[in-house]
């Protein structure tokens, strides 16, 4: 809650918003979601009719890059910290320009 105050958000207003969101979800669950029944067959038919909407290009996510530095501290190579992100942006720009 301290963080919300530091960000300039009124704590009372914040609590009221959370309460209202919770009440809306409860109402939707009780009055709408509990009445909607969708069969597995309907889901399959929808998917088959809209497969293009579910297609996404393959992607790879990198969490880190390890570089062998012959037992030297990475702190001795501060310029390496920036190079991967710059080169990655360059490669992405070239790749996007080709598409």
Protein backbone atom coordinates (compact mmCIF):
# COMPACT_ATOMS: atom_id res chain seq x y z
CA UNK A 1 0.00 0.00 0.00
CA UNK A 2 2.94 2.34 0.68
CA UNK A 3 3.95 2.09 -2.96
CA UNK A 4 0.48 3.17 -4.08
CA UNK A 5 0.68 6.24 -1.86
CA UNK A 6 4.15 7.03 -3.22
CA UNK A 7 2.76 6.75 -6.75
CA UNK A 8 0.08 9.31 -5.92
CA UNK A 9 -2.83 6.90 -5.73
CA UNK A 10 -5.36 7.58 -2.98
CA UNK A 11 -5.49 4.47 -0.72
CA UNK A 12 -9.26 4.74 -0.20
CA UNK A 13 -9.87 5.05 -3.93
CA UNK A 14 -7.52 2.12 -4.57
CA UNK A 15 -9.42 -0.09 -2.10
CA UNK A 16 -12.76 0.95 -3.61
CA UNK A 17 -11.50 0.06 -7.11
CA UNK A 18 -10.34 -3.37 -5.93
CA UNK A 19 -13.67 -3.97 -4.17
CA UNK A 20 -15.63 -2.93 -7.29
CA UNK A 21 -13.53 -5.19 -9.52
CA UNK A 22 -14.12 -8.09 -7.15
CA UNK A 23 -17.88 -7.44 -7.07
CA UNK A 24 -18.00 -7.29 -10.89
CA UNK A 25 -16.17 -10.61 -11.16
CA UNK A 26 -18.52 -12.22 -8.64
CA UNK A 27 -21.57 -10.90 -10.51
CA UNK A 28 -20.24 -12.09 -13.88
CA UNK A 29 -19.43 -15.49 -12.42
CA UNK A 30 -22.87 -15.88 -10.87
CA UNK A 31 -25.01 -14.39 -13.63
CA UNK A 32 -23.07 -14.98 -16.85
CA UNK A 33 -20.24 -17.50 -16.70
CA UNK A 34 -22.26 -20.11 -14.81
CA UNK A 35 -24.91 -20.07 -17.55
CA UNK A 36 -22.59 -20.33 -20.55
CA UNK A 37 -22.08 -23.91 -21.62
CA UNK A 38 -19.62 -24.60 -24.46
CA UNK A 39 -19.00 -28.17 -25.56
CA UNK A 40 -15.66 -29.57 -26.64
CA UNK A 41 -17.19 -30.11 -30.07
CA UNK A 42 -18.09 -26.40 -30.36
CA UNK A 43 -14.56 -25.44 -29.35
CA UNK A 44 -13.08 -27.76 -31.97
CA UNK A 45 -15.39 -26.41 -34.69
CA UNK A 46 -14.50 -22.82 -33.80
CA UNK A 47 -10.79 -23.63 -33.83
CA UNK A 48 -11.00 -25.36 -37.21
CA UNK A 49 -12.94 -22.42 -38.67
CA UNK A 50 -10.44 -19.86 -37.29
CA UNK A 51 -7.05 -21.60 -37.43
CA UNK A 52 -5.43 -18.57 -39.08
CA UNK A 53 -6.19 -16.49 -35.98
CA UNK A 54 -4.24 -18.95 -33.82
CA UNK A 55 -1.17 -19.18 -36.05
CA UNK A 56 1.84 -17.33 -34.68
CA UNK A 57 5.37 -17.28 -35.98
CA UNK A 58 7.92 -19.27 -34.03
CA UNK A 59 9.81 -17.29 -31.46
CA UNK A 60 12.77 -17.80 -29.22
CA UNK A 61 13.37 -16.14 -25.88
CA UNK A 62 16.84 -15.77 -24.46
CA UNK A 63 17.26 -15.45 -20.72
CA UNK A 64 20.99 -14.97 -20.77
CA UNK A 65 24.17 -15.30 -22.77
CA UNK A 66 27.21 -16.91 -21.23
CA UNK A 67 30.62 -15.79 -22.45
CA UNK A 68 33.78 -17.62 -21.48
CA UNK A 69 36.26 -15.06 -20.13
CA UNK A 70 39.09 -17.32 -19.00
CA UNK A 71 38.26 -16.91 -15.30
CA UNK A 72 38.17 -13.11 -15.52
CA UNK A 73 35.41 -11.24 -13.79
CA UNK A 74 32.62 -9.99 -16.11
CA UNK A 75 33.09 -6.64 -14.39
CA UNK A 76 36.36 -6.30 -16.31
CA UNK A 77 34.34 -6.26 -19.54
CA UNK A 78 31.63 -3.62 -19.00
CA UNK A 79 31.33 -2.88 -22.71
CA UNK A 80 30.05 -6.43 -23.29
CA UNK A 81 26.89 -5.64 -21.38
CA UNK A 82 25.66 -3.27 -24.08
CA UNK A 83 26.82 -5.02 -27.24
CA UNK A 84 24.34 -7.91 -27.29
CA UNK A 85 21.32 -5.63 -27.04
CA UNK A 86 22.62 -3.27 -29.76
CA UNK A 87 23.49 -6.10 -32.12
CA UNK A 88 20.16 -7.78 -31.40
CA UNK A 89 18.31 -4.58 -32.31
CA UNK A 90 20.35 -4.28 -35.50
CA UNK A 91 19.56 -7.86 -36.50
CA UNK A 92 15.88 -7.35 -35.74
CA UNK A 93 15.81 -4.16 -37.84
CA UNK A 94 17.41 -5.98 -40.78
CA UNK A 95 15.09 -8.94 -40.36
CA UNK A 96 12.01 -6.69 -40.23
CA UNK A 97 13.11 -4.73 -43.29
CA UNK A 98 13.30 -7.97 -45.26
CA UNK A 99 9.71 -8.92 -44.41
